[in-house]
Every structure is written in structure tokens, then in C-alpha cells.
Protein backbone atom coordinates (compact mmCIF):
# COMPACT_ATOMS: atom_id res chain seq x y z
CA MET A 1 0.00 0.00 0.00
CA PRO A 2 1.58 3.32 -1.04
CA GLY A 3 2.08 6.14 1.39
CA VAL A 4 3.64 6.80 4.79
CA LEU A 5 2.38 7.01 8.35
CA THR A 6 2.36 10.35 10.16
CA THR A 7 3.96 9.67 13.55
CA ASP A 8 3.67 13.12 15.13
CA HIS A 9 1.61 11.84 18.09
CA PRO A 10 3.95 10.78 20.94
CA ALA A 11 2.09 7.51 21.55
CA TRP A 12 3.53 5.91 18.39
CA THR A 13 6.26 3.33 19.09
CA GLU A 14 8.41 1.53 16.55
CA THR A 15 8.74 -2.25 16.57
CA SER A 16 11.92 -4.20 15.93
CA VAL A 17 10.84 -4.82 12.33
CA GLY A 18 10.12 -1.18 11.52
CA ALA A 19 6.36 -1.25 12.04
CA HIS A 20 4.57 1.21 14.34
CA ALA A 21 1.89 0.82 17.00
CA ARG A 22 0.00 2.92 19.54
CA ALA A 23 -2.97 2.56 21.85
CA THR A 24 -5.86 5.00 21.83
CA ARG A 25 -9.27 5.37 23.47
CA THR A 26 -12.55 5.95 21.65
CA ALA A 27 -16.03 6.51 23.05
CA SER A 28 -16.55 2.75 23.25
CA GLY A 29 -13.20 1.22 24.20
CA VAL A 30 -9.43 1.03 23.88
CA TRP A 31 -7.89 0.21 20.50
CA VAL A 32 -4.44 -0.70 19.25
CA LEU A 33 -3.54 0.99 15.98
CA SER A 34 -0.64 -0.35 13.96
CA TRP A 35 1.07 0.26 10.66
CA ASP A 36 3.27 -2.09 8.65
CA GLN A 37 4.15 -2.69 5.00
CA GLU A 38 0.54 -3.68 4.34
CA GLY A 39 -0.85 -0.43 5.72
CA PRO A 40 -3.00 0.46 8.73
CA HIS A 41 -4.65 -1.96 11.17
CA THR A 42 -7.10 -1.36 14.04
CA VAL A 43 -7.97 -3.85 16.79
CA CYS A 44 -10.27 -3.27 19.77
CA VAL A 45 -8.57 -4.71 22.88
CA GLN A 46 -10.86 -3.40 25.63
CA GLY A 47 -14.53 -2.44 25.62
CA ALA A 48 -16.81 -2.43 22.57
CA GLU A 49 -16.08 -1.89 18.87
CA ASP A 50 -18.88 0.62 18.33
CA ALA A 51 -16.60 3.63 17.80
CA LYS A 52 -13.68 2.78 15.51
CA PRO A 53 -10.64 5.04 14.94
CA VAL A 54 -10.38 6.44 11.41
CA PHE A 55 -7.20 6.97 9.37
CA ILE A 56 -7.26 10.08 7.17
CA THR A 57 -5.33 10.05 3.88
CA THR A 58 -3.70 13.23 2.58
CA ASP A 59 -2.04 13.45 -0.85
CA PRO A 60 0.46 16.29 -1.51
CA ARG A 61 0.15 15.73 -5.25
CA CYS A 62 -3.14 17.66 -4.96
CA LEU A 63 -1.38 20.85 -3.80
CA PRO A 64 -1.95 23.96 -5.95
CA GLY A 65 0.70 25.46 -8.22
CA SER A 66 1.18 28.36 -5.77
CA VAL A 67 3.34 26.09 -3.58
CA PRO A 68 7.07 26.73 -4.34
CA PRO A 69 8.37 24.08 -6.79
CA GLU A 70 11.21 22.86 -4.54
CA LEU A 71 8.83 22.37 -1.60
CA ARG A 72 6.26 20.70 -3.81
CA ARG A 73 8.81 18.24 -5.24
CA GLY A 74 9.95 17.23 -1.76
CA LEU A 75 6.41 16.60 -0.60
CA ASP A 76 5.51 14.77 -3.83
CA ASP A 77 8.42 12.41 -3.17
CA LEU A 78 6.96 11.69 0.28
CA GLY A 79 3.70 10.46 -1.24
CA PRO A 80 0.27 10.14 0.42
CA THR A 81 0.23 10.31 4.22
CA TRP A 82 -1.92 8.33 6.64
CA ARG A 83 -2.84 9.75 10.03
CA PRO A 84 -5.58 8.74 12.47
CA ALA A 85 -7.65 11.62 13.80
CA ASN A 86 -7.27 11.33 17.57
CA PRO A 87 -10.64 9.89 18.64
CA TRP A 88 -10.30 11.16 22.23
CA LEU A 89 -10.40 14.93 22.69
CA TRP A 90 -9.02 14.66 26.23
CA ASP A 91 -5.90 12.89 24.96
CA ALA A 92 -5.43 15.50 22.23
CA LEU A 93 -5.66 18.24 24.84
CA THR A 94 -3.31 16.39 27.21
CA THR A 95 -0.76 15.89 24.44
CA ALA A 96 -0.77 19.57 23.46
CA ILE A 97 -0.43 20.67 27.09
CA LEU A 98 2.53 18.38 27.74
CA ARG A 99 4.25 19.95 24.71
CA GLN A 100 4.20 23.39 26.33
CA VAL A 101 7.67 24.88 26.96
CA VAL A 102 9.56 21.64 26.14
CA ARG A 103 11.26 20.29 23.04
CA ALA A 104 9.53 17.63 20.95
CA GLY A 105 11.79 14.78 22.11
CA GLN A 106 11.36 15.69 25.77
CA ALA A 107 7.60 16.05 25.33
CA ARG A 108 7.45 12.55 23.84
CA LYS A 109 9.27 11.06 26.84
CA LEU A 110 7.09 13.02 29.26
CA TYR A 111 3.86 11.91 27.57
CA ARG A 112 4.87 8.26 27.69
CA ALA A 113 5.97 8.47 31.34
CA TRP A 114 2.65 10.17 32.16
CA CYS A 115 0.61 7.45 30.43
CA ASP A 116 2.68 4.58 31.86
CA ALA A 117 2.35 5.91 35.40
CA PHE A 118 -1.31 6.90 35.52
CA GLY A 119 -3.05 5.66 32.36
CA THR A 120 -4.45 2.37 31.08
CA THR A 121 -2.04 -0.29 29.73
CA VAL A 122 -2.82 -2.88 27.08
CA GLU A 123 -0.80 -5.33 24.98
CA GLY A 124 0.05 -4.61 21.35
CA PRO A 125 2.44 -5.80 18.61
CA ALA A 126 5.20 -3.67 20.16
CA GLY A 127 4.58 -5.01 23.69
CA THR A 128 2.85 -3.02 26.42
CA LEU A 129 1.17 0.21 25.28
CA SER A 130 -0.47 2.91 27.39
CA VAL A 131 -3.23 5.46 26.93
CA ALA A 132 -3.49 8.71 28.85
CA PRO A 133 -5.15 8.89 32.27
CA THR A 134 -8.74 10.12 32.17
CA ALA A 135 -9.67 13.64 33.25
CA THR A 136 -11.21 12.14 36.40
CA ARG A 137 -7.94 10.39 37.24
CA VAL A 138 -5.94 13.58 36.68
CA LEU A 139 -8.08 15.42 39.24
CA GLU A 140 -7.29 12.70 41.78
CA LEU A 141 -3.49 13.11 41.51
CA ASP A 142 -1.53 15.07 44.10
CA ASP A 143 1.39 17.40 43.46
CA THR A 144 3.94 14.71 44.30
CA GLN A 145 2.58 12.39 41.61
CA PHE A 146 2.82 15.11 38.96
CA ALA A 147 6.39 15.86 39.99
CA HIS A 148 7.35 12.17 39.99
CA VAL A 149 6.90 11.90 36.21
CA GLY A 150 8.31 15.36 35.44
CA ALA A 151 4.95 17.11 34.97
CA LYS A 152 5.20 19.56 37.89
CA PHE A 153 5.19 22.54 35.51
CA HIS A 154 2.04 21.25 33.81
CA CYS A 155 0.16 20.45 37.02
CA GLY A 156 -2.01 23.58 37.13
CA VAL A 157 -3.02 23.62 33.48
CA LEU A 158 -3.76 19.88 33.40
CA ARG A 159 -6.05 20.23 36.40
CA ALA A 160 -7.80 23.27 34.92
CA ALA A 161 -8.19 21.49 31.58
CA ALA A 162 -9.51 18.31 33.23
CA ALA A 163 -12.16 20.25 35.15
CA ALA A 164 -13.17 22.21 32.04
CA TYR A 165 -13.28 19.04 29.94
CA GLN A 166 -15.64 17.37 32.39
CA ARG A 167 -17.97 20.39 32.23
CA HIS A 168 -17.88 21.02 28.49
CA ARG A 169 -16.84 17.81 26.71
CA THR A 170 -20.24 17.12 25.09
CA GLU A 171 -20.41 20.68 23.77
CA TRP A 172 -16.77 20.72 22.65
CA GLU A 173 -16.97 17.41 20.80
CA ARG A 174 -19.75 18.78 18.58
CA MET A 175 -17.90 21.92 17.51
CA ASP A 176 -16.19 22.51 14.19
CA SER A 177 -12.45 23.13 14.16
CA HIS A 178 -12.44 26.92 14.38
CA ASP A 179 -15.03 27.08 17.16
CA LEU A 180 -13.19 24.40 19.14
CA VAL A 181 -9.93 26.38 19.01
CA SER A 182 -11.74 29.40 20.44
CA ALA A 183 -13.48 27.34 23.14
CA LEU A 184 -10.27 25.70 24.36
CA THR A 185 -8.55 29.06 24.83
CA SER A 186 -11.09 29.83 27.56
CA VAL A 187 -9.23 27.38 29.83
CA PRO A 188 -6.56 29.09 31.99
CA ARG A 189 -3.01 28.70 30.55
CA ILE A 190 -4.28 27.26 27.26
CA GLY A 191 -3.23 29.74 24.62
CA PRO A 192 -3.83 29.78 20.85
CA TRP A 193 -0.90 27.42 20.08
CA THR A 194 -2.04 24.70 22.51
CA ALA A 195 -5.68 25.04 21.47
CA ALA A 196 -4.87 24.85 17.76
CA ALA A 197 -2.51 21.88 18.14
CA ALA A 198 -5.07 19.95 20.20
CA THR A 199 -7.86 20.73 17.75
CA ALA A 200 -5.82 19.63 14.73
CA ASP A 201 -4.94 16.36 16.46
CA TYR A 202 -8.57 15.66 17.44
CA THR A 203 -10.35 16.70 14.26
CA GLY A 204 -7.60 15.71 11.82
CA ASP A 205 -7.95 19.19 10.29
CA PHE A 206 -4.45 20.69 10.04
CA SER A 207 -5.73 23.85 8.38
CA VAL A 208 -6.14 25.13 11.97
CA TYR A 209 -2.69 23.99 13.13
CA PRO A 210 -0.38 26.82 14.34
CA HIS A 211 1.39 27.28 11.01
CA ASP A 212 4.24 29.39 12.34
CA ASP A 213 5.18 26.54 14.68
CA LEU A 214 8.92 25.85 14.86
CA ALA A 215 8.43 22.33 13.45
CA VAL A 216 6.68 23.62 10.31
CA ARG A 217 9.33 26.30 9.78
CA THR A 218 12.20 23.87 10.36
CA TRP A 219 11.02 21.12 8.04
CA ALA A 220 9.92 23.52 5.29
CA ALA A 221 13.43 24.99 5.24
CA ARG A 222 14.94 21.50 5.16
CA ILE A 223 12.74 20.40 2.25
CA ALA A 224 13.28 23.56 0.23
CA PRO A 225 16.55 25.17 1.38
CA GLY A 226 16.71 27.30 -1.77
CA HIS A 227 13.49 29.13 -1.00
CA ASP A 228 13.63 32.56 0.64
CA TRP A 229 11.94 31.72 3.95
CA PRO A 230 11.25 34.40 6.60
CA GLY A 231 13.78 34.53 9.46
CA LYS A 232 13.16 32.94 12.86
CA LYS A 233 11.92 36.18 14.41
CA ASP A 234 9.93 37.23 11.34
CA LYS A 235 6.23 36.86 12.15
CA SER A 236 5.23 36.86 8.50
CA PHE A 237 5.84 33.11 8.11
CA GLY A 238 2.29 32.07 9.08
CA PRO A 239 0.49 34.38 6.66
CA LYS A 240 2.92 33.54 3.85
CA TRP A 241 2.46 29.81 4.52
CA ALA A 242 -1.31 30.16 4.30
CA ALA A 243 -0.97 32.20 1.11
CA MET A 244 1.03 29.38 -0.51
CA ALA A 245 -1.98 27.11 -0.10
CA GLY A 246 -4.42 29.69 -1.40
CA PRO A 247 -8.05 30.00 -0.23
CA ASP A 248 -8.66 26.23 -0.12
CA ARG A 249 -8.58 25.04 3.51
CA THR A 250 -7.97 21.48 2.32
CA ALA A 251 -4.80 22.62 0.56
CA LEU A 252 -3.59 24.34 3.74
CA HIS A 253 -4.28 21.14 5.67
CA THR A 254 -2.39 19.09 3.09
CA LEU A 255 0.59 21.45 2.94
CA THR A 256 0.95 21.56 6.74
CA LEU A 257 0.38 17.90 7.53
CA SER A 258 2.59 16.67 4.68
CA THR A 259 5.41 18.93 5.88
CA LEU A 260 5.10 17.66 9.46
CA THR A 261 5.04 14.07 8.21
CA TRP A 262 8.17 14.67 6.14
CA GLY A 263 9.83 15.98 9.30
CA SER A 264 8.80 12.96 11.36
CA HIS A 265 10.50 10.67 8.87
CA ALA A 266 13.57 12.91 8.53
CA ARG A 267 14.01 12.88 12.30
């Protein structure tokens, strides 16, 4: 099956044979998602199969001609990408919060330590896998438990987010991408970046991702080093990135997600 897996979510682990696996929770149960040379697989390992995770396919060959040729060639070489929309909004929010103020590699280690310590564990093709602790469980943790896994800095915002999620989850889960970004920023210490990253993960719509994110800027410059990209402190990158895609939100989604996927594989 042609294409590559987008492994931006920190739950993905690589097996000894180069396949990938992660556990995730849906409204009906816990699932193990995996990817190998035959493509994606989904297996329910706890609960009911009523709500099944969905992989979204994105093809950079559909990008408009306004994308710089060098960038377009690099993304065309990548091919179609496969990414599951995170079926659990609370996990998407948790993941974005744990990425605050830390580098991507450190955030990945922190997320896994957090899930291993307080979440639900299941068996998968890569051995034991963990899903994030529920919002209810987070509100039961004391300061020492947060500090034990390295999440002392995130303690306050995780608690505020857990309480807000319990109050508003039904309403939030029905919102479209743009409204959800706005709603999440009402939670203390959740700014536009965290809200947009969580929303993109949950909905699978990367047209709302924070496009001036360091990862997007870094990988775009790596793919197309000959292009005249704005400098690190130049705030024009986001608007220029959106302009490359044109008015089509699907094109902006494709451009952003394909670039992040390219970066995951380069790393």
C-alpha cells in the first residue's frame, strides 16, 4: 500500500521490524492501531467496537501550483500520508499541554511516562502500550505524583483542563475546528498554540494547526533550502504559509500535515 504514516503523536512506538503501534481510546473502548508494509490496522482490545478510529489520507500531489516548486517536489516524493484523527479529545488536549515549553523529544518522553504511570495499559504488537489517564484520574493526583513523572510545571493547566473538559466535553466534541480552538482558549493557561494543536490532532484538520510553529518552519526549510523563507523572528511566516496554499482550507491542511510528516521521517 503506497504512502507513509504520520507519527507526530507521541504515543507511536516503533517495533523491531520497523512497524509502528500505539494505543488509543474511543467513546466505546481502547484500540491498538498499527502500521506495517501492508498499511493500517485497528484492533479493539478493551470495551466495545462501536466507535472505531479512522485513518485520514492526505495526498500532496493535490497541492496547488502556488506552492514553491522545490517544496512541492519534496512533498511529492513523500507520497500520500496516513494519520488517524485522535478519537479522544481529552488525549489530544493532554498531548498539546505536555508539549508546552519543552522540546519535541522531551515532550514525547514526558507523555509516555505520564501514560505509563497513571493511564491504562494494554498489549500490542510492540509489547505493552499505554493510553493517557482520564480527566477524572488527573483530578485525583496530588502534586507529588505530577512531579514524579516530570509534569510539575504542567500540574495547574492539566487540572484546569480536566475540570473544564468534564464540564464542556459534550459541547466541545460537537464543535467545528475553528469554534473548538476558540473554546479551548477559555481554559486558563491554554493559549492559541495549545488550542490549535489539540484541535488539529482531534479533528484531523491541520488547516487550523499553528502554522508558524517551529516544526513547520524547520522542516519547510529542510525540504526547500533554496526558497527565501522568513527569518526565525519574522512573524510573516504564518500568513505567507497560508498564502502558498491559497483560499482552499484542504490545501492548507495538506501542505501543513505533509510537511510535518516529512519531518517525522527525517528525524
